[in-house]
């Protein structure tokens, strides 16, 4: 018969640390607000798509897109992308007259 190993009954200190997010220094840190302004065809939509796709692994919930008519870049990379959990709105007010952004914020507060 094998000799049984004694059970270690010491209380061990367990530390919990939040995962560190490594972001390129030229990109905005999470959470951020952004306004993109430029002339037609200068790459605004491309910039937004690249940022959304870069940060996709950090946000787990829905991507809300507010656009009356999406440009081809956003349609191809975000709206038609099967890997994106996205919801597209044509206006910030729904058919019943509710402010969609207020409803999204309310549901996020309830979730937290």
PDB file of N, CA and C in Angstrom:
ATOM      1  N   UNK A   1       0.822  -1.194   0.000  1.00  0.00           N
ATOM      2  CA  UNK A   1       0.000   0.000   0.000  1.00  0.00           C
ATOM      3  C   UNK A   1       0.863   1.252   0.000  1.00  0.00           C
ATOM      4  N   UNK A   2       0.381   2.241  -0.756  1.00  0.00           N
ATOM      5  CA  UNK A   2       1.098   3.507  -0.798  1.00  0.00           C
ATOM      6  C   UNK A   2       0.791   4.314   0.444  1.00  0.00           C
ATOM      7  N   UNK A   3       1.795   5.068   0.836  1.00  0.00           N
ATOM      8  CA  UNK A   3       1.623   5.945   1.980  1.00  0.00           C
ATOM      9  C   UNK A   3       0.838   7.182   1.531  1.00  0.00           C
ATOM     10  N   UNK A   4      -0.229   7.537   2.287  1.00  0.00           N
ATOM     11  CA  UNK A   4      -1.060   8.683   1.927  1.00  0.00           C
ATOM     12  C   UNK A   4      -0.328   9.974   2.240  1.00  0.00           C
ATOM     13  N   UNK A   5      -0.471  10.900   1.321  1.00  0.00           N
ATOM     14  CA  UNK A   5       0.134  12.212   1.465  1.00  0.00           C
ATOM     15  C   UNK A   5      -0.720  13.049   2.422  1.00  0.00           C
ATOM     16  N   UNK A   6      -0.109  13.783   3.343  1.00  0.00           N
ATOM     17  CA  UNK A   6      -0.922  14.601   4.246  1.00  0.00           C
ATOM     18  C   UNK A   6      -1.603  15.749   3.493  1.00  0.00           C
ATOM     19  N   UNK A   7      -2.786  16.098   3.957  1.00  0.00           N
ATOM     20  CA  UNK A   7      -3.552  17.174   3.335  1.00  0.00           C
ATOM     21  C   UNK A   7      -3.039  18.511   3.847  1.00  0.00           C
ATOM     22  N   UNK A   8      -2.799  19.426   2.910  1.00  0.00           N
ATOM     23  CA  UNK A   8      -2.327  20.765   3.258  1.00  0.00           C
ATOM     24  C   UNK A   8      -3.530  21.609   3.675  1.00  0.00           C
ATOM     25  N   UNK A   9      -3.613  21.985   4.937  1.00  0.00           N
ATOM     26  CA  UNK A   9      -4.743  22.739   5.460  1.00  0.00           C
ATOM     27  C   UNK A   9      -4.430  24.224   5.672  1.00  0.00           C
ATOM     28  N   UNK A  10      -3.313  24.689   5.130  1.00  0.00           N
ATOM     29  CA  UNK A  10      -2.965  26.101   5.260  1.00  0.00           C
ATOM     30  C   UNK A  10      -3.942  26.953   4.472  1.00  0.00           C
ATOM     31  N   UNK A  11      -4.274  28.109   5.018  1.00  0.00           N
ATOM     32  CA  UNK A  11      -5.121  29.059   4.300  1.00  0.00           C
ATOM     33  C   UNK A  11      -4.222  29.845   3.360  1.00  0.00           C
ATOM     34  N   UNK A  12      -4.581  29.808   2.108  1.00  0.00           N
ATOM     35  CA  UNK A  12      -3.778  30.483   1.104  1.00  0.00           C
ATOM     36  C   UNK A  12      -4.474  31.771   0.675  1.00  0.00           C
ATOM     37  N   UNK A  13      -3.684  32.799   0.489  1.00  0.00           N
ATOM     38  CA  UNK A  13      -4.220  34.070   0.029  1.00  0.00           C
ATOM     39  C   UNK A  13      -4.389  34.000  -1.483  1.00  0.00           C
ATOM     40  N   UNK A  14      -5.609  34.181  -1.923  1.00  0.00           N
ATOM     41  CA  UNK A  14      -5.902  34.177  -3.349  1.00  0.00           C
ATOM     42  C   UNK A  14      -6.108  35.611  -3.796  1.00  0.00           C
ATOM     43  N   UNK A  15      -5.400  35.993  -4.794  1.00  0.00           N
ATOM     44  CA  UNK A  15      -5.568  37.358  -5.302  1.00  0.00           C
ATOM     45  C   UNK A  15      -6.354  37.300  -6.600  1.00  0.00           C
ATOM     46  N   UNK A  16      -7.240  38.247  -6.725  1.00  0.00           N
ATOM     47  CA  UNK A  16      -8.039  38.348  -7.934  1.00  0.00           C
ATOM     48  C   UNK A  16      -7.600  39.616  -8.646  1.00  0.00           C
ATOM     49  N   UNK A  17      -7.237  39.466  -9.898  1.00  0.00           N
ATOM     50  CA  UNK A  17      -6.827  40.644 -10.648  1.00  0.00           C
ATOM     51  C   UNK A  17      -7.655  40.736 -11.921  1.00  0.00           C
ATOM     52  N   UNK A  18      -7.920  41.941 -12.302  1.00  0.00           N
ATOM     53  CA  UNK A  18      -8.647  42.165 -13.534  1.00  0.00           C
ATOM     54  C   UNK A  18      -7.696  41.992 -14.712  1.00  0.00           C
ATOM     55  N   UNK A  19      -8.202  41.453 -15.811  1.00  0.00           N
ATOM     56  CA  UNK A  19      -7.315  41.298 -16.972  1.00  0.00           C
ATOM     57  C   UNK A  19      -6.862  42.652 -17.485  1.00  0.00           C
ATOM     58  N   UNK A  20      -5.618  42.722 -17.869  1.00  0.00           N
ATOM     59  CA  UNK A  20      -5.083  43.971 -18.400  1.00  0.00           C
ATOM     60  C   UNK A  20      -5.334  44.012 -19.896  1.00  0.00           C
ATOM     61  N   UNK A  21      -5.802  45.152 -20.324  1.00  0.00           N
ATOM     62  CA  UNK A  21      -6.092  45.347 -21.740  1.00  0.00           C
ATOM     63  C   UNK A  21      -4.943  46.143 -22.334  1.00  0.00           C
ATOM     64  N   UNK A  22      -4.301  45.556 -23.327  1.00  0.00           N
ATOM     65  CA  UNK A  22      -3.190  46.231 -23.984  1.00  0.00           C
ATOM     66  C   UNK A  22      -3.686  46.838 -25.284  1.00  0.00           C
ATOM     67  N   UNK A  23      -3.659  48.158 -25.334  1.00  0.00           N
ATOM     68  CA  UNK A  23      -4.147  48.874 -26.505  1.00  0.00           C
ATOM     69  C   UNK A  23      -3.007  49.729 -27.051  1.00  0.00           C
ATOM     70  N   UNK A  24      -2.926  49.788 -28.354  1.00  0.00           N
ATOM     71  CA  UNK A  24      -1.897  50.597 -28.989  1.00  0.00           C
ATOM     72  C   UNK A  24      -2.003  52.035 -28.493  1.00  0.00           C
ATOM     73  N   UNK A  25      -0.880  52.709 -28.206  1.00  0.00           N
ATOM     74  CA  UNK A  25      -0.932  54.065 -27.643  1.00  0.00           C
ATOM     75  C   UNK A  25      -1.597  55.108 -28.542  1.00  0.00           C
ATOM     76  N   UNK A  26      -1.699  54.842 -29.826  1.00  0.00           N
ATOM     77  CA  UNK A  26      -2.353  55.801 -30.723  1.00  0.00           C
ATOM     78  C   UNK A  26      -3.870  55.643 -30.762  1.00  0.00           C
ATOM     79  N   UNK A  27      -4.388  54.582 -30.111  1.00  0.00           N
ATOM     80  CA  UNK A  27      -5.830  54.363 -30.087  1.00  0.00           C
ATOM     81  C   UNK A  27      -6.408  54.886 -28.779  1.00  0.00           C
ATOM     82  N   UNK A  28      -7.685  55.300 -28.789  1.00  0.00           N
ATOM     83  CA  UNK A  28      -8.300  55.776 -27.545  1.00  0.00           C
ATOM     84  C   UNK A  28      -8.470  54.629 -26.553  1.00  0.00           C
ATOM     85  N   UNK A  29      -8.360  54.948 -25.255  1.00  0.00           N
ATOM     86  CA  UNK A  29      -8.554  53.914 -24.239  1.00  0.00           C
ATOM     87  C   UNK A  29     -10.044  53.691 -24.036  1.00  0.00           C
ATOM     88  N   UNK A  30     -10.388  52.520 -23.521  1.00  0.00           N
ATOM     89  CA  UNK A  30     -11.795  52.191 -23.289  1.00  0.00           C
ATOM     90  C   UNK A  30     -12.292  52.940 -22.079  1.00  0.00           C
ATOM     91  N   UNK A  31     -13.377  53.320 -21.959  1.00  0.00           N
ATOM     92  CA  UNK A  31     -14.513  53.756 -22.730  1.00  0.00           C
ATOM     93  C   UNK A  31     -14.223  55.144 -23.299  1.00  0.00           C
ATOM     94  N   UNK A  32     -14.746  55.430 -24.443  1.00  0.00           N
ATOM     95  CA  UNK A  32     -14.492  56.719 -25.059  1.00  0.00           C
ATOM     96  C   UNK A  32     -15.676  57.142 -25.908  1.00  0.00           C
ATOM     97  N   UNK A  33     -15.770  58.425 -26.123  1.00  0.00           N
ATOM     98  CA  UNK A  33     -16.732  58.998 -27.060  1.00  0.00           C
ATOM     99  C   UNK A  33     -15.919  59.590 -28.200  1.00  0.00           C
ATOM    100  N   UNK A  34     -16.512  59.579 -29.384  1.00  0.00           N
ATOM    101  CA  UNK A  34     -15.746  60.041 -30.521  1.00  0.00           C
ATOM    102  C   UNK A  34     -16.666  60.719 -31.527  1.00  0.00           C
ATOM    103  N   UNK A  35     -16.187  61.782 -32.091  1.00  0.00           N
ATOM    104  CA  UNK A  35     -16.860  62.443 -33.200  1.00  0.00           C
ATOM    105  C   UNK A  35     -15.887  62.400 -34.372  1.00  0.00           C
ATOM    106  N   UNK A  36     -16.363  61.928 -35.500  1.00  0.00           N
ATOM    107  CA  UNK A  36     -15.521  61.840 -36.689  1.00  0.00           C
ATOM    108  C   UNK A  36     -16.062  62.818 -37.721  1.00  0.00           C
ATOM    109  N   UNK A  37     -15.232  63.759 -38.115  1.00  0.00           N
ATOM    110  CA  UNK A  37     -15.638  64.797 -39.056  1.00  0.00           C
ATOM    111  C   UNK A  37     -14.639  64.832 -40.206  1.00  0.00           C
ATOM    112  N   UNK A  38     -15.142  64.948 -41.413  1.00  0.00           N
ATOM    113  CA  UNK A  38     -14.261  65.053 -42.571  1.00  0.00           C
ATOM    114  C   UNK A  38     -15.082  65.143 -43.841  1.00  0.00           C
ATOM    115  N   UNK A  39     -14.426  65.497 -44.907  1.00  0.00           N
ATOM    116  CA  UNK A  39     -15.146  65.617 -46.176  1.00  0.00           C
ATOM    117  C   UNK A  39     -15.500  64.234 -46.709  1.00  0.00           C
ATOM    118  N   UNK A  40     -16.380  64.220 -47.644  1.00  0.00           N
ATOM    119  CA  UNK A  40     -16.840  62.981 -48.254  1.00  0.00           C
ATOM    120  C   UNK A  40     -15.667  62.224 -48.873  1.00  0.00           C
ATOM    121  N   UNK A  41     -15.592  60.932 -48.590  1.00  0.00           N
ATOM    122  CA  UNK A  41     -14.569  60.085 -49.179  1.00  0.00           C
ATOM    123  C   UNK A  41     -13.213  60.121 -48.496  1.00  0.00           C
ATOM    124  N   UNK A  42     -13.120  60.747 -47.316  1.00  0.00           N
ATOM    125  CA  UNK A  42     -11.805  60.862 -46.671  1.00  0.00           C
ATOM    126  C   UNK A  42     -11.457  59.671 -45.764  1.00  0.00           C
ATOM    127  N   UNK A  43     -12.401  58.739 -45.552  1.00  0.00           N
ATOM    128  CA  UNK A  43     -12.099  57.545 -44.769  1.00  0.00           C
ATOM    129  C   UNK A  43     -12.731  57.496 -43.390  1.00  0.00           C
ATOM    130  N   UNK A  44     -13.760  58.305 -43.137  1.00  0.00           N
ATOM    131  CA  UNK A  44     -14.421  58.309 -41.828  1.00  0.00           C
ATOM    132  C   UNK A  44     -15.017  56.944 -41.510  1.00  0.00           C
ATOM    133  N   UNK A  45     -15.786  56.392 -42.439  1.00  0.00           N
ATOM    134  CA  UNK A  45     -16.430  55.088 -42.205  1.00  0.00           C
ATOM    135  C   UNK A  45     -15.400  53.985 -42.040  1.00  0.00           C
ATOM    136  N   UNK A  46     -14.347  54.030 -42.816  1.00  0.00           N
ATOM    137  CA  UNK A  46     -13.273  53.046 -42.708  1.00  0.00           C
ATOM    138  C   UNK A  46     -12.610  53.118 -41.335  1.00  0.00           C
ATOM    139  N   UNK A  47     -12.385  54.329 -40.843  1.00  0.00           N
ATOM    140  CA  UNK A  47     -11.797  54.535 -39.521  1.00  0.00           C
ATOM    141  C   UNK A  47     -12.693  53.936 -38.434  1.00  0.00           C
ATOM    142  N   UNK A  48     -13.993  54.212 -38.517  1.00  0.00           N
ATOM    143  CA  UNK A  48     -14.942  53.695 -37.529  1.00  0.00           C
ATOM    144  C   UNK A  48     -14.980  52.172 -37.570  1.00  0.00           C
ATOM    145  N   UNK A  49     -15.033  51.595 -38.759  1.00  0.00           N
ATOM    146  CA  UNK A  49     -15.052  50.128 -38.888  1.00  0.00           C
ATOM    147  C   UNK A  49     -13.798  49.512 -38.279  1.00  0.00           C
ATOM    148  N   UNK A  50     -12.645  50.099 -38.555  1.00  0.00           N
ATOM    149  CA  UNK A  50     -11.398  49.575 -38.003  1.00  0.00           C
ATOM    150  C   UNK A  50     -11.393  49.633 -36.482  1.00  0.00           C
ATOM    151  N   UNK A  51     -11.871  50.737 -35.900  1.00  0.00           N
ATOM    152  CA  UNK A  51     -11.924  50.848 -34.436  1.00  0.00           C
ATOM    153  C   UNK A  51     -12.882  49.827 -33.837  1.00  0.00           C
ATOM    154  N   UNK A  52     -14.061  49.696 -34.430  1.00  0.00           N
ATOM    155  CA  UNK A  52     -15.054  48.740 -33.914  1.00  0.00           C
ATOM    156  C   UNK A  52     -14.505  47.317 -33.986  1.00  0.00           C
ATOM    157  N   UNK A  53     -13.903  46.966 -35.107  1.00  0.00           N
ATOM    158  CA  UNK A  53     -13.366  45.612 -35.253  1.00  0.00           C
ATOM    159  C   UNK A  53     -12.169  45.381 -34.318  1.00  0.00           C
ATOM    160  N   UNK A  54     -11.368  46.418 -34.074  1.00  0.00           N
ATOM    161  CA  UNK A  54     -10.220  46.309 -33.167  1.00  0.00           C
ATOM    162  C   UNK A  54     -10.679  46.064 -31.727  1.00  0.00           C
ATOM    163  N   UNK A  55     -11.736  46.750 -31.304  1.00  0.00           N
ATOM    164  CA  UNK A  55     -12.219  46.653 -29.923  1.00  0.00           C
ATOM    165  C   UNK A  55     -13.260  45.555 -29.722  1.00  0.00           C
ATOM    166  N   UNK A  56     -13.631  44.833 -30.766  1.00  0.00           N
ATOM    167  CA  UNK A  56     -14.712  43.850 -30.687  1.00  0.00           C
ATOM    168  C   UNK A  56     -14.520  42.844 -29.563  1.00  0.00           C
ATOM    169  N   UNK A  57     -13.292  42.435 -29.309  1.00  0.00           N
ATOM    170  CA  UNK A  57     -13.064  41.427 -28.270  1.00  0.00           C
ATOM    171  C   UNK A  57     -13.270  41.975 -26.861  1.00  0.00           C
ATOM    172  N   UNK A  58     -13.306  43.307 -26.705  1.00  0.00           N
ATOM    173  CA  UNK A  58     -13.466  43.900 -25.382  1.00  0.00           C
ATOM    174  C   UNK A  58     -14.914  44.153 -25.008  1.00  0.00           C
ATOM    175  N   UNK A  59     -15.777  44.318 -25.969  1.00  0.00           N
ATOM    176  CA  UNK A  59     -17.186  44.473 -25.639  1.00  0.00           C
ATOM    177  C   UNK A  59     -17.904  43.209 -26.079  1.00  0.00           C
ATOM    178  N   UNK A  60     -18.766  42.732 -25.198  1.00  0.00           N
ATOM    179  CA  UNK A  60     -19.414  41.444 -25.446  1.00  0.00           C
ATOM    180  C   UNK A  60     -20.869  41.598 -25.873  1.00  0.00           C
ATOM    181  N   UNK A  61     -21.409  42.784 -25.718  1.00  0.00           N
ATOM    182  CA  UNK A  61     -22.824  42.973 -25.991  1.00  0.00           C
ATOM    183  C   UNK A  61     -23.059  43.443 -27.413  1.00  0.00           C
ATOM    184  N   UNK A  62     -24.128  44.145 -27.586  1.00  0.00           N
ATOM    185  CA  UNK A  62     -24.529  44.566 -28.923  1.00  0.00           C
ATOM    186  C   UNK A  62     -23.796  45.802 -29.400  1.00  0.00           C
ATOM    187  N   UNK A  63     -23.688  45.887 -30.700  1.00  0.00           N
ATOM    188  CA  UNK A  63     -23.187  47.079 -31.369  1.00  0.00           C
ATOM    189  C   UNK A  63     -24.414  47.771 -31.943  1.00  0.00           C
ATOM    190  N   UNK A  64     -24.632  49.013 -31.542  1.00  0.00           N
ATOM    191  CA  UNK A  64     -25.776  49.775 -32.022  1.00  0.00           C
ATOM    192  C   UNK A  64     -25.309  50.741 -33.102  1.00  0.00           C
ATOM    193  N   UNK A  65     -25.904  50.637 -34.272  1.00  0.00           N
ATOM    194  CA  UNK A  65     -25.538  51.482 -35.397  1.00  0.00           C
ATOM    195  C   UNK A  65     -26.732  52.379 -35.716  1.00  0.00           C
ATOM    196  N   UNK A  66     -26.503  53.690 -35.682  1.00  0.00           N
ATOM    197  CA  UNK A  66     -27.538  54.656 -36.017  1.00  0.00           C
ATOM    198  C   UNK A  66     -27.140  55.336 -37.321  1.00  0.00           C
ATOM    199  N   UNK A  67     -27.842  55.002 -38.404  1.00  0.00           N
ATOM    200  CA  UNK A  67     -27.584  55.579 -39.723  1.00  0.00           C
ATOM    201  C   UNK A  67     -28.845  55.483 -40.551  1.00  0.00           C
ATOM    202  N   UNK A  68     -29.176  56.546 -41.248  1.00  0.00           N
ATOM    203  CA  UNK A  68     -30.344  56.485 -42.136  1.00  0.00           C
ATOM    204  C   UNK A  68     -30.085  55.515 -43.274  1.00  0.00           C
ATOM    205  N   UNK A  69     -28.946  55.649 -43.904  1.00  0.00           N
ATOM    206  CA  UNK A  69     -28.591  54.729 -44.988  1.00  0.00           C
ATOM    207  C   UNK A  69     -27.101  54.409 -44.851  1.00  0.00           C
ATOM    208  N   UNK A  70     -26.774  53.153 -44.578  1.00  0.00           N
ATOM    209  CA  UNK A  70     -25.364  52.812 -44.346  1.00  0.00           C
ATOM    210  C   UNK A  70     -24.545  52.861 -45.620  1.00  0.00           C
ATOM    211  N   UNK A  71     -23.321  53.335 -45.471  1.00  0.00           N
ATOM    212  CA  UNK A  71     -22.409  53.314 -46.611  1.00  0.00           C
ATOM    213  C   UNK A  71     -21.945  51.879 -46.829  1.00  0.00           C
ATOM    214  N   UNK A  72     -21.348  51.622 -47.959  1.00  0.00           N
ATOM    215  CA  UNK A  72     -20.932  50.257 -48.316  1.00  0.00           C
ATOM    216  C   UNK A  72     -19.910  49.687 -47.333  1.00  0.00           C
ATOM    217  N   UNK A  73     -19.005  50.527 -46.823  1.00  0.00           N
ATOM    218  CA  UNK A  73     -17.976  50.061 -45.885  1.00  0.00           C
ATOM    219  C   UNK A  73     -18.598  49.542 -44.601  1.00  0.00           C
ATOM    220  N   UNK A  74     -19.519  50.304 -44.010  1.00  0.00           N
ATOM    221  CA  UNK A  74     -20.166  49.878 -42.765  1.00  0.00           C
ATOM    222  C   UNK A  74     -21.079  48.694 -43.023  1.00  0.00           C
ATOM    223  N   UNK A  75     -21.791  48.707 -44.133  1.00  0.00           N
ATOM    224  CA  UNK A  75     -22.669  47.573 -44.470  1.00  0.00           C
ATOM    225  C   UNK A  75     -21.859  46.289 -44.586  1.00  0.00           C
ATOM    226  N   UNK A  76     -20.762  46.330 -45.307  1.00  0.00           N
ATOM    227  CA  UNK A  76     -19.949  45.131 -45.539  1.00  0.00           C
ATOM    228  C   UNK A  76     -19.247  44.653 -44.262  1.00  0.00           C
ATOM    229  N   UNK A  77     -18.645  45.568 -43.498  1.00  0.00           N
ATOM    230  CA  UNK A  77     -17.814  45.183 -42.359  1.00  0.00           C
ATOM    231  C   UNK A  77     -18.566  45.000 -41.051  1.00  0.00           C
ATOM    232  N   UNK A  78     -19.675  45.699 -40.872  1.00  0.00           N
ATOM    233  CA  UNK A  78     -20.378  45.631 -39.590  1.00  0.00           C
ATOM    234  C   UNK A  78     -21.780  45.035 -39.705  1.00  0.00           C
ATOM    235  N   UNK A  79     -22.586  45.550 -40.616  1.00  0.00           N
ATOM    236  CA  UNK A  79     -23.982  45.113 -40.687  1.00  0.00           C
ATOM    237  C   UNK A  79     -24.105  43.701 -41.254  1.00  0.00           C
ATOM    238  N   UNK A  80     -23.396  43.398 -42.333  1.00  0.00           N
ATOM    239  CA  UNK A  80     -23.483  42.073 -42.958  1.00  0.00           C
ATOM    240  C   UNK A  80     -22.501  41.065 -42.369  1.00  0.00           C
ATOM    241  N   UNK A  81     -21.711  41.460 -41.398  1.00  0.00           N
ATOM    242  CA  UNK A  81     -20.711  40.581 -40.783  1.00  0.00           C
ATOM    243  C   UNK A  81     -21.397  39.624 -39.809  1.00  0.00           C
ATOM    244  N   UNK A  82     -21.386  38.300 -40.082  1.00  0.00           N
ATOM    245  CA  UNK A  82     -22.072  37.355 -39.199  1.00  0.00           C
ATOM    246  C   UNK A  82     -21.424  37.232 -37.818  1.00  0.00           C
ATOM    247  N   UNK A  83     -20.198  37.688 -37.663  1.00  0.00           N
ATOM    248  CA  UNK A  83     -19.512  37.614 -36.367  1.00  0.00           C
ATOM    249  C   UNK A  83     -19.849  38.786 -35.444  1.00  0.00           C
ATOM    250  N   UNK A  84     -20.583  39.767 -35.958  1.00  0.00           N
ATOM    251  CA  UNK A  84     -20.937  40.944 -35.169  1.00  0.00           C
ATOM    252  C   UNK A  84     -22.360  40.797 -34.649  1.00  0.00           C
ATOM    253  N   UNK A  85     -22.545  41.074 -33.358  1.00  0.00           N
ATOM    254  CA  UNK A  85     -23.882  41.123 -32.780  1.00  0.00           C
ATOM    255  C   UNK A  85     -24.323  42.582 -32.861  1.00  0.00           C
ATOM    256  N   UNK A  86     -24.998  42.938 -33.941  1.00  0.00           N
ATOM    257  CA  UNK A  86     -25.294  44.338 -34.207  1.00  0.00           C
ATOM    258  C   UNK A  86     -26.791  44.560 -34.367  1.00  0.00           C
ATOM    259  N   UNK A  87     -27.190  45.775 -34.035  1.00  0.00           N
ATOM    260  CA  UNK A  87     -28.558  46.210 -34.238  1.00  0.00           C
ATOM    261  C   UNK A  87     -28.475  47.555 -34.956  1.00  0.00           C
ATOM    262  N   UNK A  88     -29.190  47.682 -36.047  1.00  0.00           N
ATOM    263  CA  UNK A  88     -29.144  48.923 -36.834  1.00  0.00           C
ATOM    264  C   UNK A  88     -30.452  49.683 -36.666  1.00  0.00           C
ATOM    265  N   UNK A  89     -30.328  50.966 -36.403  1.00  0.00           N
ATOM    266  CA  UNK A  89     -31.481  51.849 -36.297  1.00  0.00           C
ATOM    267  C   UNK A  89     -31.350  52.950 -37.339  1.00  0.00           C
ATOM    268  N   UNK A  90     -32.474  53.332 -37.929  1.00  0.00           N
ATOM    269  CA  UNK A  90     -32.464  54.421 -38.903  1.00  0.00           C
ATOM    270  C   UNK A  90     -32.685  55.765 -38.235  1.00  0.00           C
ATOM    271  N   UNK A  91     -33.106  55.752 -36.972  1.00  0.00           N
ATOM    272  CA  UNK A  91     -33.373  56.982 -36.240  1.00  0.00           C
ATOM    273  C   UNK A  91     -33.157  56.714 -34.753  1.00  0.00           C
ATOM    274  N   UNK A  92     -32.994  57.780 -33.958  1.00  0.00           N
ATOM    275  CA  UNK A  92     -32.865  57.585 -32.511  1.00  0.00           C
ATOM    276  C   UNK A  92     -34.228  57.520 -31.826  1.00  0.00           C
ATOM    277  N   UNK A  93     -35.301  57.747 -32.593  1.00  0.00           N
ATOM    278  CA  UNK A  93     -36.669  57.670 -32.069  1.00  0.00           C
ATOM    279  C   UNK A  93     -37.371  56.495 -32.750  1.00  0.00           C
ATOM    280  N   UNK A  94     -37.996  55.605 -31.946  1.00  0.00           N
ATOM    281  CA  UNK A  94     -38.700  54.474 -32.541  1.00  0.00           C
ATOM    282  C   UNK A  94     -40.116  54.871 -32.973  1.00  0.00           C
ATOM    283  N   UNK A  95     -40.881  53.916 -33.509  1.00  0.00           N
ATOM    284  CA  UNK A  95     -42.215  54.195 -34.047  1.00  0.00           C
ATOM    285  C   UNK A  95     -43.197  54.671 -32.982  1.00  0.00           C
ATOM    286  N   UNK A  96     -42.963  54.267 -31.724  1.00  0.00           N
ATOM    287  CA  UNK A  96     -43.843  54.682 -30.624  1.00  0.00           C
ATOM    288  C   UNK A  96     -43.432  56.031 -30.030  1.00  0.00           C
ATOM    289  N   UNK A  97     -42.352  56.635 -30.515  1.00  0.00           N
ATOM    290  CA  UNK A  97     -41.898  57.926 -30.023  1.00  0.00           C
ATOM    291  C   UNK A  97     -40.899  57.842 -28.879  1.00  0.00           C
ATOM    292  N   UNK A  98     -40.411  56.630 -28.571  1.00  0.00           N
ATOM    293  CA  UNK A  98     -39.431  56.451 -27.490  1.00  0.00           C
ATOM    294  C   UNK A  98     -38.030  56.765 -27.983  1.00  0.00           C
ATOM    295  N   UNK A  99     -37.221  57.350 -27.123  1.00  0.00           N
ATOM    296  CA  UNK A  99     -35.825  57.626 -27.440  1.00  0.00           C
ATOM    297  C   UNK A  99     -35.048  56.313 -27.273  1.00  0.00           C
ATOM    298  N   UNK A 100     -34.531  55.788 -28.358  1.00  0.00           N
ATOM    299  CA  UNK A 100     -33.852  54.485 -28.346  1.00  0.00           C
ATOM    300  C   UNK A 100     -32.599  54.530 -27.488  1.00  0.00           C
ATOM    301  N   UNK A 101     -31.842  55.623 -27.549  1.00  0.00           N
ATOM    302  CA  UNK A 101     -30.609  55.722 -26.766  1.00  0.00           C
ATOM    303  C   UNK A 101     -30.925  55.677 -25.280  1.00  0.00           C
ATOM    304  N   UNK A 102     -31.985  56.367 -24.848  1.00  0.00           N
ATOM    305  CA  UNK A 102     -32.386  56.322 -23.439  1.00  0.00           C
ATOM    306  C   UNK A 102     -32.759  54.913 -23.027  1.00  0.00           C
ATOM    307  N   UNK A 103     -33.445  54.188 -23.899  1.00  0.00           N
ATOM    308  CA  UNK A 103     -33.833  52.803 -23.600  1.00  0.00           C
ATOM    309  C   UNK A 103     -32.609  51.890 -23.499  1.00  0.00           C
ATOM    310  N   UNK A 104     -31.626  52.097 -24.357  1.00  0.00           N
ATOM    311  CA  UNK A 104     -30.397  51.300 -24.307  1.00  0.00           C
ATOM    312  C   UNK A 104     -29.669  51.558 -22.987  1.00  0.00           C
ATOM    313  N   UNK A 105     -29.538  52.834 -22.603  1.00  0.00           N
ATOM    314  CA  UNK A 105     -28.861  53.184 -21.344  1.00  0.00           C
ATOM    315  C   UNK A 105     -29.615  52.601 -20.158  1.00  0.00           C
ATOM    316  N   UNK A 106     -30.931  52.678 -20.203  1.00  0.00           N
ATOM    317  CA  UNK A 106     -31.761  52.127 -19.114  1.00  0.00           C
ATOM    318  C   UNK A 106     -31.540  50.617 -18.976  1.00  0.00           C
ATOM    319  N   UNK A 107     -31.540  49.907 -20.099  1.00  0.00           N
ATOM    320  CA  UNK A 107     -31.344  48.446 -20.043  1.00  0.00           C
ATOM    321  C   UNK A 107     -29.936  48.091 -19.570  1.00  0.00           C
ATOM    322  N   UNK A 108     -28.932  48.922 -19.923  1.00  0.00           N
ATOM    323  CA  UNK A 108     -27.573  48.663 -19.458  1.00  0.00           C
ATOM    324  C   UNK A 108     -27.461  48.870 -17.950  1.00  0.00           C
ATOM    325  N   UNK A 109     -28.120  49.902 -17.422  1.00  0.00           N
ATOM    326  CA  UNK A 109     -28.118  50.140 -15.982  1.00  0.00           C
ATOM    327  C   UNK A 109     -28.785  48.988 -15.232  1.00  0.00           C
ATOM    328  N   UNK A 110     -29.891  48.479 -15.786  1.00  0.00           N
ATOM    329  CA  UNK A 110     -30.586  47.337 -15.176  1.00  0.00           C
ATOM    330  C   UNK A 110     -29.688  46.100 -15.196  1.00  0.00           C
ATOM    331  N   UNK A 111     -28.953  45.928 -16.266  1.00  0.00           N
ATOM    332  CA  UNK A 111     -28.059  44.771 -16.408  1.00  0.00           C
ATOM    333  C   UNK A 111     -26.947  44.814 -15.365  1.00  0.00           C
ATOM    334  N   UNK A 112     -26.396  46.022 -15.148  1.00  0.00           N
ATOM    335  CA  UNK A 112     -25.296  46.183 -14.177  1.00  0.00           C
ATOM    336  C   UNK A 112     -25.832  45.990 -12.787  1.00  0.00           C
TER     337      UNK A 112
END
